C-alpha cells in the first residue's frame, strides 16, 4: 500500500509544532518519517522527503538533512537548537521545527495521522 504524501504544513498544524527556521519552506512534501539521534543511522536509513525526529541540536544535523534530502528536522523534548545550527539550516534551506513532546508521543501522533517509516 502506498503511503499518503503530506504537506509539511499539515504536520505542523496537526502536531502543534513550532517553526524555528525555514518558515517559508512549510509547503514541502513529507512521504515518511525517521527517528534517531545517531547521525550515521540517519545517513544509512532515512529516505528522501522524510521528516527526521531527533533531540540533537548541533549544526551537523543540517548536513545530514541536506545529504539525505529530508523534508524537515523536528527537535523534541523542548530542546532549543544551537544558533550555529539555525544559521546553517537557513543557509541550506532546511526547515527546523520544535516540539515540547518526547519522541514516543510525537511519533505516535504522526503514525496516527498516517505518517509511516515504511515507504
PDB file of N, CA and C in Angstrom:
ATOM      1  N   UNK A   1       0.831  -1.181   0.000  1.00  0.00           N
ATOM      2  CA  UNK A   1       0.000   0.000   0.000  1.00  0.00           C
ATOM      3  C   UNK A   1       0.878   1.247   0.000  1.00  0.00           C
ATOM      4  N   UNK A   2       0.574   2.194  -0.856  1.00  0.00           N
ATOM      5  CA  UNK A   2       1.358   3.411  -0.960  1.00  0.00           C
ATOM      6  C   UNK A   2       0.984   4.381   0.162  1.00  0.00           C
ATOM      7  N   UNK A   3       1.997   4.991   0.749  1.00  0.00           N
ATOM      8  CA  UNK A   3       1.764   5.968   1.814  1.00  0.00           C
ATOM      9  C   UNK A   3       1.154   7.234   1.261  1.00  0.00           C
ATOM     10  N   UNK A   4       0.375   7.899   2.081  1.00  0.00           N
ATOM     11  CA  UNK A   4      -0.140   9.215   1.750  1.00  0.00           C
ATOM     12  C   UNK A   4       1.020  10.194   1.811  1.00  0.00           C
ATOM     13  N   UNK A   5       1.043  11.137   0.884  1.00  0.00           N
ATOM     14  CA  UNK A   5       2.049  12.196   0.921  1.00  0.00           C
ATOM     15  C   UNK A   5       1.407  13.406   1.585  1.00  0.00           C
ATOM     16  N   UNK A   6       2.034  13.881   2.632  1.00  0.00           N
ATOM     17  CA  UNK A   6       1.550  15.028   3.388  1.00  0.00           C
ATOM     18  C   UNK A   6       2.314  16.281   2.971  1.00  0.00           C
ATOM     19  N   UNK A   7       1.726  17.423   3.234  1.00  0.00           N
ATOM     20  CA  UNK A   7       2.458  18.686   3.155  1.00  0.00           C
ATOM     21  C   UNK A   7       2.959  18.958   4.563  1.00  0.00           C
ATOM     22  N   UNK A   8       4.132  19.517   4.660  1.00  0.00           N
ATOM     23  CA  UNK A   8       4.715  19.815   5.966  1.00  0.00           C
ATOM     24  C   UNK A   8       3.776  20.694   6.790  1.00  0.00           C
ATOM     25  N   UNK A   9       3.052  21.603   6.149  1.00  0.00           N
ATOM     26  CA  UNK A   9       2.113  22.468   6.874  1.00  0.00           C
ATOM     27  C   UNK A   9       1.047  21.658   7.610  1.00  0.00           C
ATOM     28  N   UNK A  10       0.588  20.553   7.028  1.00  0.00           N
ATOM     29  CA  UNK A  10      -0.402  19.691   7.685  1.00  0.00           C
ATOM     30  C   UNK A  10       0.149  19.118   8.985  1.00  0.00           C
ATOM     31  N   UNK A  11       1.392  18.695   8.926  1.00  0.00           N
ATOM     32  CA  UNK A  11       2.036  18.079  10.085  1.00  0.00           C
ATOM     33  C   UNK A  11       2.289  19.123  11.172  1.00  0.00           C
ATOM     34  N   UNK A  12       2.725  20.304  10.760  1.00  0.00           N
ATOM     35  CA  UNK A  12       2.971  21.383  11.716  1.00  0.00           C
ATOM     36  C   UNK A  12       1.694  21.692  12.484  1.00  0.00           C
ATOM     37  N   UNK A  13       0.610  21.826  11.755  1.00  0.00           N
ATOM     38  CA  UNK A  13      -0.670  22.174  12.383  1.00  0.00           C
ATOM     39  C   UNK A  13      -1.186  21.037  13.273  1.00  0.00           C
ATOM     40  N   UNK A  14      -1.196  19.823  12.750  1.00  0.00           N
ATOM     41  CA  UNK A  14      -1.759  18.683  13.486  1.00  0.00           C
ATOM     42  C   UNK A  14      -0.983  18.360  14.755  1.00  0.00           C
ATOM     43  N   UNK A  15       0.322  18.593  14.739  1.00  0.00           N
ATOM     44  CA  UNK A  15       1.152  18.231  15.890  1.00  0.00           C
ATOM     45  C   UNK A  15       1.540  19.435  16.746  1.00  0.00           C
ATOM     46  N   UNK A  16       1.065  20.612  16.379  1.00  0.00           N
ATOM     47  CA  UNK A  16       1.370  21.811  17.161  1.00  0.00           C
ATOM     48  C   UNK A  16       2.846  22.129  17.211  1.00  0.00           C
ATOM     49  N   UNK A  17       3.526  21.968  16.070  1.00  0.00           N
ATOM     50  CA  UNK A  17       4.967  22.191  16.027  1.00  0.00           C
ATOM     51  C   UNK A  17       5.290  23.676  15.877  1.00  0.00           C
ATOM     52  N   UNK A  18       6.389  24.081  16.476  1.00  0.00           N
ATOM     53  CA  UNK A  18       6.876  25.449  16.349  1.00  0.00           C
ATOM     54  C   UNK A  18       7.830  25.532  15.160  1.00  0.00           C
ATOM     55  N   UNK A  19       7.634  26.521  14.301  1.00  0.00           N
ATOM     56  CA  UNK A  19       8.557  26.759  13.186  1.00  0.00           C
ATOM     57  C   UNK A  19       9.731  27.567  13.726  1.00  0.00           C
ATOM     58  N   UNK A  20      10.888  26.939  13.812  1.00  0.00           N
ATOM     59  CA  UNK A  20      12.072  27.583  14.363  1.00  0.00           C
ATOM     60  C   UNK A  20      12.908  28.222  13.255  1.00  0.00           C
ATOM     61  N   UNK A  21      12.998  27.548  12.117  1.00  0.00           N
ATOM     62  CA  UNK A  21      13.770  28.044  10.984  1.00  0.00           C
ATOM     63  C   UNK A  21      13.111  27.547   9.702  1.00  0.00           C
ATOM     64  N   UNK A  22      13.231  28.324   8.634  1.00  0.00           N
ATOM     65  CA  UNK A  22      12.655  27.910   7.359  1.00  0.00           C
ATOM     66  C   UNK A  22      11.153  28.093   7.313  1.00  0.00           C
ATOM     67  N   UNK A  23      10.669  29.165   7.915  1.00  0.00           N
ATOM     68  CA  UNK A  23       9.220  29.394   8.000  1.00  0.00           C
ATOM     69  C   UNK A  23       8.543  29.461   6.642  1.00  0.00           C
ATOM     70  N   UNK A  24       9.277  29.851   5.623  1.00  0.00           N
ATOM     71  CA  UNK A  24       8.704  29.933   4.275  1.00  0.00           C
ATOM     72  C   UNK A  24       8.866  28.634   3.492  1.00  0.00           C
ATOM     73  N   UNK A  25       9.295  27.573   4.143  1.00  0.00           N
ATOM     74  CA  UNK A  25       9.535  26.290   3.467  1.00  0.00           C
ATOM     75  C   UNK A  25       8.530  25.219   3.887  1.00  0.00           C
ATOM     76  N   UNK A  26       7.414  25.627   4.456  1.00  0.00           N
ATOM     77  CA  UNK A  26       6.476  24.667   5.045  1.00  0.00           C
ATOM     78  C   UNK A  26       5.597  23.955   4.026  1.00  0.00           C
ATOM     79  N   UNK A  27       5.793  24.203   2.746  1.00  0.00           N
ATOM     80  CA  UNK A  27       4.973  23.526   1.737  1.00  0.00           C
ATOM     81  C   UNK A  27       5.654  22.283   1.176  1.00  0.00           C
ATOM     82  N   UNK A  28       6.690  21.824   1.815  1.00  0.00           N
ATOM     83  CA  UNK A  28       7.422  20.642   1.337  1.00  0.00           C
ATOM     84  C   UNK A  28       6.615  19.366   1.505  1.00  0.00           C
ATOM     85  N   UNK A  29       6.822  18.403   0.598  1.00  0.00           N
ATOM     86  CA  UNK A  29       6.147  17.116   0.752  1.00  0.00           C
ATOM     87  C   UNK A  29       6.828  16.268   1.829  1.00  0.00           C
ATOM     88  N   UNK A  30       6.018  15.489   2.523  1.00  0.00           N
ATOM     89  CA  UNK A  30       6.522  14.542   3.520  1.00  0.00           C
ATOM     90  C   UNK A  30       5.972  13.173   3.140  1.00  0.00           C
ATOM     91  N   UNK A  31       6.884  12.251   2.842  1.00  0.00           N
ATOM     92  CA  UNK A  31       6.484  10.907   2.439  1.00  0.00           C
ATOM     93  C   UNK A  31       6.612   9.890   3.561  1.00  0.00           C
ATOM     94  N   UNK A  32       7.345  10.233   4.622  1.00  0.00           N
ATOM     95  CA  UNK A  32       7.534   9.316   5.731  1.00  0.00           C
ATOM     96  C   UNK A  32       8.306   9.984   6.839  1.00  0.00           C
ATOM     97  N   UNK A  33       8.694   9.201   7.811  1.00  0.00           N
ATOM     98  CA  UNK A  33       9.427   9.752   8.931  1.00  0.00           C
ATOM     99  C   UNK A  33      10.518   8.820   9.401  1.00  0.00           C
ATOM    100  N   UNK A  34      11.487   9.405  10.098  1.00  0.00           N
ATOM    101  CA  UNK A  34      12.572   8.629  10.671  1.00  0.00           C
ATOM    102  C   UNK A  34      12.949   9.254  12.003  1.00  0.00           C
ATOM    103  N   UNK A  35      13.218   8.436  12.999  1.00  0.00           N
ATOM    104  CA  UNK A  35      13.607   8.916  14.318  1.00  0.00           C
ATOM    105  C   UNK A  35      14.914   8.260  14.733  1.00  0.00           C
ATOM    106  N   UNK A  36      15.905   9.087  15.023  1.00  0.00           N
ATOM    107  CA  UNK A  36      17.180   8.588  15.508  1.00  0.00           C
ATOM    108  C   UNK A  36      18.014   9.771  15.971  1.00  0.00           C
ATOM    109  N   UNK A  37      18.913   9.500  16.902  1.00  0.00           N
ATOM    110  CA  UNK A  37      19.844  10.513  17.367  1.00  0.00           C
ATOM    111  C   UNK A  37      21.265  10.212  16.911  1.00  0.00           C
ATOM    112  N   UNK A  38      21.435   9.121  16.182  1.00  0.00           N
ATOM    113  CA  UNK A  38      22.745   8.762  15.633  1.00  0.00           C
ATOM    114  C   UNK A  38      22.823   9.218  14.184  1.00  0.00           C
ATOM    115  N   UNK A  39      23.718  10.134  13.899  1.00  0.00           N
ATOM    116  CA  UNK A  39      23.819  10.674  12.546  1.00  0.00           C
ATOM    117  C   UNK A  39      24.110   9.587  11.529  1.00  0.00           C
ATOM    118  N   UNK A  40      24.973   8.637  11.871  1.00  0.00           N
ATOM    119  CA  UNK A  40      25.309   7.561  10.934  1.00  0.00           C
ATOM    120  C   UNK A  40      24.082   6.700  10.629  1.00  0.00           C
ATOM    121  N   UNK A  41      23.224   6.508  11.613  1.00  0.00           N
ATOM    122  CA  UNK A  41      22.000   5.742  11.410  1.00  0.00           C
ATOM    123  C   UNK A  41      21.063   6.471  10.449  1.00  0.00           C
ATOM    124  N   UNK A  42      20.914   7.769  10.630  1.00  0.00           N
ATOM    125  CA  UNK A  42      20.066   8.564   9.744  1.00  0.00           C
ATOM    126  C   UNK A  42      20.629   8.537   8.325  1.00  0.00           C
ATOM    127  N   UNK A  43      21.948   8.683   8.194  1.00  0.00           N
ATOM    128  CA  UNK A  43      22.565   8.641   6.857  1.00  0.00           C
ATOM    129  C   UNK A  43      22.326   7.300   6.178  1.00  0.00           C
ATOM    130  N   UNK A  44      22.320   6.241   6.947  1.00  0.00           N
ATOM    131  CA  UNK A  44      22.146   4.909   6.369  1.00  0.00           C
ATOM    132  C   UNK A  44      20.691   4.560   6.075  1.00  0.00           C
ATOM    133  N   UNK A  45      19.745   5.125   6.827  1.00  0.00           N
ATOM    134  CA  UNK A  45      18.375   4.610   6.755  1.00  0.00           C
ATOM    135  C   UNK A  45      17.270   5.593   6.419  1.00  0.00           C
ATOM    136  N   UNK A  46      17.463   6.875   6.649  1.00  0.00           N
ATOM    137  CA  UNK A  46      16.402   7.836   6.324  1.00  0.00           C
ATOM    138  C   UNK A  46      16.268   7.929   4.808  1.00  0.00           C
ATOM    139  N   UNK A  47      15.064   8.279   4.372  1.00  0.00           N
ATOM    140  CA  UNK A  47      14.785   8.355   2.939  1.00  0.00           C
ATOM    141  C   UNK A  47      14.426   9.784   2.542  1.00  0.00           C
ATOM    142  N   UNK A  48      14.616  10.078   1.271  1.00  0.00           N
ATOM    143  CA  UNK A  48      14.265  11.382   0.726  1.00  0.00           C
ATOM    144  C   UNK A  48      12.820  11.724   1.111  1.00  0.00           C
ATOM    145  N   UNK A  49      12.614  12.963   1.497  1.00  0.00           N
ATOM    146  CA  UNK A  49      11.305  13.511   1.893  1.00  0.00           C
ATOM    147  C   UNK A  49      10.779  12.980   3.219  1.00  0.00           C
ATOM    148  N   UNK A  50      11.641  12.353   4.018  1.00  0.00           N
ATOM    149  CA  UNK A  50      11.274  12.001   5.387  1.00  0.00           C
ATOM    150  C   UNK A  50      11.359  13.245   6.267  1.00  0.00           C
ATOM    151  N   UNK A  51      10.599  13.238   7.348  1.00  0.00           N
ATOM    152  CA  UNK A  51      10.857  14.176   8.433  1.00  0.00           C
ATOM    153  C   UNK A  51      11.702  13.416   9.442  1.00  0.00           C
ATOM    154  N   UNK A  52      12.637  14.116  10.056  1.00  0.00           N
ATOM    155  CA  UNK A  52      13.574  13.488  10.981  1.00  0.00           C
ATOM    156  C   UNK A  52      13.289  13.996  12.391  1.00  0.00           C
ATOM    157  N   UNK A  53      13.036  13.080  13.301  1.00  0.00           N
ATOM    158  CA  UNK A  53      12.775  13.405  14.692  1.00  0.00           C
ATOM    159  C   UNK A  53      14.033  13.088  15.492  1.00  0.00           C
ATOM    160  N   UNK A  54      14.537  14.095  16.214  1.00  0.00           N
ATOM    161  CA  UNK A  54      15.786  13.942  16.949  1.00  0.00           C
ATOM    162  C   UNK A  54      15.833  14.883  18.139  1.00  0.00           C
ATOM    163  N   UNK A  55      16.726  14.579  19.090  1.00  0.00           N
ATOM    164  CA  UNK A  55      16.996  15.529  20.161  1.00  0.00           C
ATOM    165  C   UNK A  55      18.318  16.250  19.937  1.00  0.00           C
ATOM    166  N   UNK A  56      19.005  15.927  18.850  1.00  0.00           N
ATOM    167  CA  UNK A  56      20.258  16.602  18.519  1.00  0.00           C
ATOM    168  C   UNK A  56      19.990  18.062  18.142  1.00  0.00           C
ATOM    169  N   UNK A  57      20.902  18.962  18.513  1.00  0.00           N
ATOM    170  CA  UNK A  57      20.699  20.395  18.256  1.00  0.00           C
ATOM    171  C   UNK A  57      21.929  21.068  17.640  1.00  0.00           C
ATOM    172  N   UNK A  58      22.913  20.309  17.238  1.00  0.00           N
ATOM    173  CA  UNK A  58      24.161  20.883  16.724  1.00  0.00           C
ATOM    174  C   UNK A  58      24.122  21.000  15.197  1.00  0.00           C
ATOM    175  N   UNK A  59      25.015  21.789  14.610  1.00  0.00           N
ATOM    176  CA  UNK A  59      24.988  22.054  13.162  1.00  0.00           C
ATOM    177  C   UNK A  59      25.139  20.828  12.262  1.00  0.00           C
ATOM    178  N   UNK A  60      25.759  19.769  12.735  1.00  0.00           N
ATOM    179  CA  UNK A  60      25.976  18.601  11.879  1.00  0.00           C
ATOM    180  C   UNK A  60      24.676  17.948  11.419  1.00  0.00           C
ATOM    181  N   UNK A  61      23.589  18.135  12.162  1.00  0.00           N
ATOM    182  CA  UNK A  61      22.330  17.517  11.748  1.00  0.00           C
ATOM    183  C   UNK A  61      21.820  18.136  10.448  1.00  0.00           C
ATOM    184  N   UNK A  62      22.138  19.395  10.228  1.00  0.00           N
ATOM    185  CA  UNK A  62      21.711  20.044   8.981  1.00  0.00           C
ATOM    186  C   UNK A  62      22.419  19.407   7.795  1.00  0.00           C
ATOM    187  N   UNK A  63      23.695  19.134   7.936  1.00  0.00           N
ATOM    188  CA  UNK A  63      24.444  18.500   6.848  1.00  0.00           C
ATOM    189  C   UNK A  63      23.834  17.141   6.491  1.00  0.00           C
ATOM    190  N   UNK A  64      23.422  16.384   7.487  1.00  0.00           N
ATOM    191  CA  UNK A  64      22.799  15.083   7.243  1.00  0.00           C
ATOM    192  C   UNK A  64      21.457  15.273   6.537  1.00  0.00           C
ATOM    193  N   UNK A  65      20.676  16.241   6.980  1.00  0.00           N
ATOM    194  CA  UNK A  65      19.369  16.502   6.359  1.00  0.00           C
ATOM    195  C   UNK A  65      19.527  16.900   4.889  1.00  0.00           C
ATOM    196  N   UNK A  66      20.541  17.689   4.593  1.00  0.00           N
ATOM    197  CA  UNK A  66      20.800  18.078   3.199  1.00  0.00           C
ATOM    198  C   UNK A  66      21.226  16.865   2.388  1.00  0.00           C
ATOM    199  N   UNK A  67      22.149  16.076   2.923  1.00  0.00           N
ATOM    200  CA  UNK A  67      22.647  14.878   2.235  1.00  0.00           C
ATOM    201  C   UNK A  67      21.514  13.921   1.887  1.00  0.00           C
ATOM    202  N   UNK A  68      20.593  13.719   2.821  1.00  0.00           N
ATOM    203  CA  UNK A  68      19.504  12.760   2.628  1.00  0.00           C
ATOM    204  C   UNK A  68      18.259  13.378   2.001  1.00  0.00           C
ATOM    205  N   UNK A  69      18.291  14.680   1.710  1.00  0.00           N
ATOM    206  CA  UNK A  69      17.162  15.398   1.107  1.00  0.00           C
ATOM    207  C   UNK A  69      15.889  15.240   1.946  1.00  0.00           C
ATOM    208  N   UNK A  70      16.045  15.487   3.245  1.00  0.00           N
ATOM    209  CA  UNK A  70      14.926  15.365   4.166  1.00  0.00           C
ATOM    210  C   UNK A  70      14.021  16.585   4.084  1.00  0.00           C
ATOM    211  N   UNK A  71      12.754  16.402   4.392  1.00  0.00           N
ATOM    212  CA  UNK A  71      11.787  17.499   4.322  1.00  0.00           C
ATOM    213  C   UNK A  71      11.937  18.478   5.478  1.00  0.00           C
ATOM    214  N   UNK A  72      12.301  17.977   6.641  1.00  0.00           N
ATOM    215  CA  UNK A  72      12.448  18.843   7.817  1.00  0.00           C
ATOM    216  C   UNK A  72      13.097  18.065   8.948  1.00  0.00           C
ATOM    217  N   UNK A  73      13.593  18.832   9.904  1.00  0.00           N
ATOM    218  CA  UNK A  73      14.107  18.283  11.162  1.00  0.00           C
ATOM    219  C   UNK A  73      13.136  18.718  12.254  1.00  0.00           C
ATOM    220  N   UNK A  74      12.726  17.765  13.094  1.00  0.00           N
ATOM    221  CA  UNK A  74      11.895  18.092  14.246  1.00  0.00           C
ATOM    222  C   UNK A  74      12.699  17.788  15.499  1.00  0.00           C
ATOM    223  N   UNK A  75      12.917  18.817  16.298  1.00  0.00           N
ATOM    224  CA  UNK A  75      13.657  18.673  17.550  1.00  0.00           C
ATOM    225  C   UNK A  75      12.637  18.497  18.680  1.00  0.00           C
ATOM    226  N   UNK A  76      12.856  17.478  19.472  1.00  0.00           N
ATOM    227  CA  UNK A  76      11.893  17.085  20.508  1.00  0.00           C
ATOM    228  C   UNK A  76      12.310  17.540  21.913  1.00  0.00           C
ATOM    229  N   UNK A  77      11.444  17.238  22.870  1.00  0.00           N
ATOM    230  CA  UNK A  77      11.697  17.461  24.302  1.00  0.00           C
ATOM    231  C   UNK A  77      11.894  18.930  24.667  1.00  0.00           C
ATOM    232  N   UNK A  78      11.407  19.848  23.835  1.00  0.00           N
ATOM    233  CA  UNK A  78      11.537  21.266  24.132  1.00  0.00           C
ATOM    234  C   UNK A  78      12.953  21.798  24.054  1.00  0.00           C
ATOM    235  N   UNK A  79      13.835  21.053  23.438  1.00  0.00           N
ATOM    236  CA  UNK A  79      15.238  21.492  23.308  1.00  0.00           C
ATOM    237  C   UNK A  79      15.332  22.655  22.338  1.00  0.00           C
ATOM    238  N   UNK A  80      16.281  23.533  22.580  1.00  0.00           N
ATOM    239  CA  UNK A  80      16.495  24.706  21.742  1.00  0.00           C
ATOM    240  C   UNK A  80      17.749  24.501  20.886  1.00  0.00           C
ATOM    241  N   UNK A  81      17.629  24.689  19.560  1.00  0.00           N
ATOM    242  CA  UNK A  81      18.780  24.492  18.672  1.00  0.00           C
ATOM    243  C   UNK A  81      19.892  25.495  18.947  1.00  0.00           C
ATOM    244  N   UNK A  82      21.112  25.080  18.676  1.00  0.00           N
ATOM    245  CA  UNK A  82      22.255  25.980  18.775  1.00  0.00           C
ATOM    246  C   UNK A  82      22.126  27.046  17.692  1.00  0.00           C
ATOM    247  N   UNK A  83      22.541  28.282  17.965  1.00  0.00           N
ATOM    248  CA  UNK A  83      22.457  29.349  16.964  1.00  0.00           C
ATOM    249  C   UNK A  83      23.173  28.997  15.656  1.00  0.00           C
ATOM    250  N   UNK A  84      24.314  28.321  15.760  1.00  0.00           N
ATOM    251  CA  UNK A  84      25.054  27.928  14.553  1.00  0.00           C
ATOM    252  C   UNK A  84      24.244  26.961  13.703  1.00  0.00           C
ATOM    253  N   UNK A  85      23.486  26.100  14.358  1.00  0.00           N
ATOM    254  CA  UNK A  85      22.648  25.145  13.632  1.00  0.00           C
ATOM    255  C   UNK A  85      21.552  25.876  12.877  1.00  0.00           C
ATOM    256  N   UNK A  86      20.940  26.868  13.512  1.00  0.00           N
ATOM    257  CA  UNK A  86      19.879  27.618  12.849  1.00  0.00           C
ATOM    258  C   UNK A  86      20.409  28.418  11.662  1.00  0.00           C
ATOM    259  N   UNK A  87      21.605  28.969  11.810  1.00  0.00           N
ATOM    260  CA  UNK A  87      22.230  29.696  10.688  1.00  0.00           C
ATOM    261  C   UNK A  87      22.465  28.754   9.512  1.00  0.00           C
ATOM    262  N   UNK A  88      22.989  27.578   9.807  1.00  0.00           N
ATOM    263  CA  UNK A  88      23.265  26.599   8.750  1.00  0.00           C
ATOM    264  C   UNK A  88      21.963  26.126   8.102  1.00  0.00           C
ATOM    265  N   UNK A  89      20.928  25.888   8.897  1.00  0.00           N
ATOM    266  CA  UNK A  89      19.636  25.449   8.356  1.00  0.00           C
ATOM    267  C   UNK A  89      19.047  26.507   7.434  1.00  0.00           C
ATOM    268  N   UNK A  90      19.140  27.763   7.827  1.00  0.00           N
ATOM    269  CA  UNK A  90      18.622  28.846   6.991  1.00  0.00           C
ATOM    270  C   UNK A  90      19.404  28.917   5.675  1.00  0.00           C
ATOM    271  N   UNK A  91      20.707  28.796   5.762  1.00  0.00           N
ATOM    272  CA  UNK A  91      21.553  28.848   4.566  1.00  0.00           C
ATOM    273  C   UNK A  91      21.260  27.685   3.617  1.00  0.00           C
ATOM    274  N   UNK A  92      21.014  26.501   4.165  1.00  0.00           N
ATOM    275  CA  UNK A  92      20.802  25.295   3.361  1.00  0.00           C
ATOM    276  C   UNK A  92      19.337  25.068   2.984  1.00  0.00           C
ATOM    277  N   UNK A  93      18.433  25.862   3.550  1.00  0.00           N
ATOM    278  CA  UNK A  93      17.020  25.715   3.218  1.00  0.00           C
ATOM    279  C   UNK A  93      16.363  24.497   3.842  1.00  0.00           C
ATOM    280  N   UNK A  94      16.750  24.174   5.067  1.00  0.00           N
ATOM    281  CA  UNK A  94      16.161  23.044   5.784  1.00  0.00           C
ATOM    282  C   UNK A  94      15.241  23.575   6.877  1.00  0.00           C
ATOM    283  N   UNK A  95      13.950  23.247   6.827  1.00  0.00           N
ATOM    284  CA  UNK A  95      13.058  23.660   7.902  1.00  0.00           C
ATOM    285  C   UNK A  95      13.402  22.950   9.209  1.00  0.00           C
ATOM    286  N   UNK A  96      13.418  23.721  10.282  1.00  0.00           N
ATOM    287  CA  UNK A  96      13.638  23.169  11.616  1.00  0.00           C
ATOM    288  C   UNK A  96      12.392  23.473  12.437  1.00  0.00           C
ATOM    289  N   UNK A  97      11.828  22.422  12.999  1.00  0.00           N
ATOM    290  CA  UNK A  97      10.616  22.527  13.805  1.00  0.00           C
ATOM    291  C   UNK A  97      10.940  22.045  15.212  1.00  0.00           C
ATOM    292  N   UNK A  98      10.126  22.458  16.169  1.00  0.00           N
ATOM    293  CA  UNK A  98      10.363  22.049  17.547  1.00  0.00           C
ATOM    294  C   UNK A  98       9.063  21.590  18.185  1.00  0.00           C
ATOM    295  N   UNK A  99       9.206  20.639  19.108  1.00  0.00           N
ATOM    296  CA  UNK A  99       8.065  20.119  19.851  1.00  0.00           C
ATOM    297  C   UNK A  99       8.455  19.953  21.315  1.00  0.00           C
ATOM    298  N   UNK A 100       7.547  20.276  22.214  1.00  0.00           N
ATOM    299  CA  UNK A 100       7.821  20.015  23.631  1.00  0.00           C
ATOM    300  C   UNK A 100       7.654  18.539  23.987  1.00  0.00           C
ATOM    301  N   UNK A 101       7.090  17.772  23.066  1.00  0.00           N
ATOM    302  CA  UNK A 101       6.790  16.362  23.329  1.00  0.00           C
ATOM    303  C   UNK A 101       8.037  15.491  23.279  1.00  0.00           C
ATOM    304  N   UNK A 102       8.024  14.368  24.011  1.00  0.00           N
ATOM    305  CA  UNK A 102       9.087  13.374  23.847  1.00  0.00           C
ATOM    306  C   UNK A 102       8.879  12.631  22.524  1.00  0.00           C
ATOM    307  N   UNK A 103       9.911  11.989  22.052  1.00  0.00           N
ATOM    308  CA  UNK A 103       9.869  11.289  20.771  1.00  0.00           C
ATOM    309  C   UNK A 103       8.713  10.297  20.698  1.00  0.00           C
ATOM    310  N   UNK A 104       8.522   9.511  21.725  1.00  0.00           N
ATOM    311  CA  UNK A 104       7.495   8.468  21.707  1.00  0.00           C
ATOM    312  C   UNK A 104       6.115   9.052  21.438  1.00  0.00           C
ATOM    313  N   UNK A 105       5.794  10.136  22.111  1.00  0.00           N
ATOM    314  CA  UNK A 105       4.483  10.772  21.956  1.00  0.00           C
ATOM    315  C   UNK A 105       4.329  11.388  20.555  1.00  0.00           C
ATOM    316  N   UNK A 106       5.336  12.106  20.090  1.00  0.00           N
ATOM    317  CA  UNK A 106       5.256  12.743  18.779  1.00  0.00           C
ATOM    318  C   UNK A 106       5.169  11.705  17.662  1.00  0.00           C
ATOM    319  N   UNK A 107       5.958  10.675  17.751  1.00  0.00           N
ATOM    320  CA  UNK A 107       5.925   9.619  16.727  1.00  0.00           C
ATOM    321  C   UNK A 107       4.563   8.936  16.723  1.00  0.00           C
ATOM    322  N   UNK A 108       3.983   8.720  17.894  1.00  0.00           N
ATOM    323  CA  UNK A 108       2.649   8.129  17.968  1.00  0.00           C
ATOM    324  C   UNK A 108       1.617   8.984  17.264  1.00  0.00           C
ATOM    325  N   UNK A 109       1.696  10.285  17.455  1.00  0.00           N
ATOM    326  CA  UNK A 109       0.760  11.189  16.784  1.00  0.00           C
ATOM    327  C   UNK A 109       0.947  11.164  15.271  1.00  0.00           C
ATOM    328  N   UNK A 110       2.187  11.191  14.842  1.00  0.00           N
ATOM    329  CA  UNK A 110       2.470  11.157  13.402  1.00  0.00           C
ATOM    330  C   UNK A 110       1.979   9.851  12.784  1.00  0.00           C
ATOM    331  N   UNK A 111       2.235   8.759  13.460  1.00  0.00           N
ATOM    332  CA  UNK A 111       1.789   7.460  12.964  1.00  0.00           C
ATOM    333  C   UNK A 111       0.268   7.405  12.895  1.00  0.00           C
ATOM    334  N   UNK A 112      -0.381   7.964  13.893  1.00  0.00           N
ATOM    335  CA  UNK A 112      -1.835   8.021  13.911  1.00  0.00           C
ATOM    336  C   UNK A 112      -2.410   8.817  12.743  1.00  0.00           C
ATOM    337  N   UNK A 113      -1.648   9.803  12.271  1.00  0.00           N
ATOM    338  CA  UNK A 113      -2.060  10.588  11.102  1.00  0.00           C
ATOM    339  C   UNK A 113      -1.877   9.816   9.801  1.00  0.00           C
ATOM    340  N   UNK A 114      -1.007   8.801   9.840  1.00  0.00           N
ATOM    341  CA  UNK A 114      -0.720   8.051   8.626  1.00  0.00           C
ATOM    342  C   UNK A 114       0.700   8.212   8.120  1.00  0.00           C
ATOM    343  N   UNK A 115       1.543   8.918   8.877  1.00  0.00           N
ATOM    344  CA  UNK A 115       2.963   9.050   8.508  1.00  0.00           C
ATOM    345  C   UNK A 115       3.658   7.770   8.942  1.00  0.00           C
ATOM    346  N   UNK A 116       4.334   7.126   8.031  1.00  0.00           N
ATOM    347  CA  UNK A 116       4.971   5.849   8.311  1.00  0.00           C
ATOM    348  C   UNK A 116       6.470   5.901   8.065  1.00  0.00           C
ATOM    349  N   UNK A 117       7.185   5.027   8.728  1.00  0.00           N
ATOM    350  CA  UNK A 117       8.609   4.870   8.465  1.00  0.00           C
ATOM    351  C   UNK A 117       8.880   3.841   7.371  1.00  0.00           C
ATOM    352  N   UNK A 118       7.826   3.196   6.897  1.00  0.00           N
ATOM    353  CA  UNK A 118       7.964   2.173   5.856  1.00  0.00           C
ATOM    354  C   UNK A 118       7.425   2.719   4.544  1.00  0.00           C
ATOM    355  N   UNK A 119       8.338   3.139   3.699  1.00  0.00           N
ATOM    356  CA  UNK A 119       7.917   3.629   2.379  1.00  0.00           C
ATOM    357  C   UNK A 119       9.019   3.418   1.380  1.00  0.00           C
TER     358      UNK A 119
END
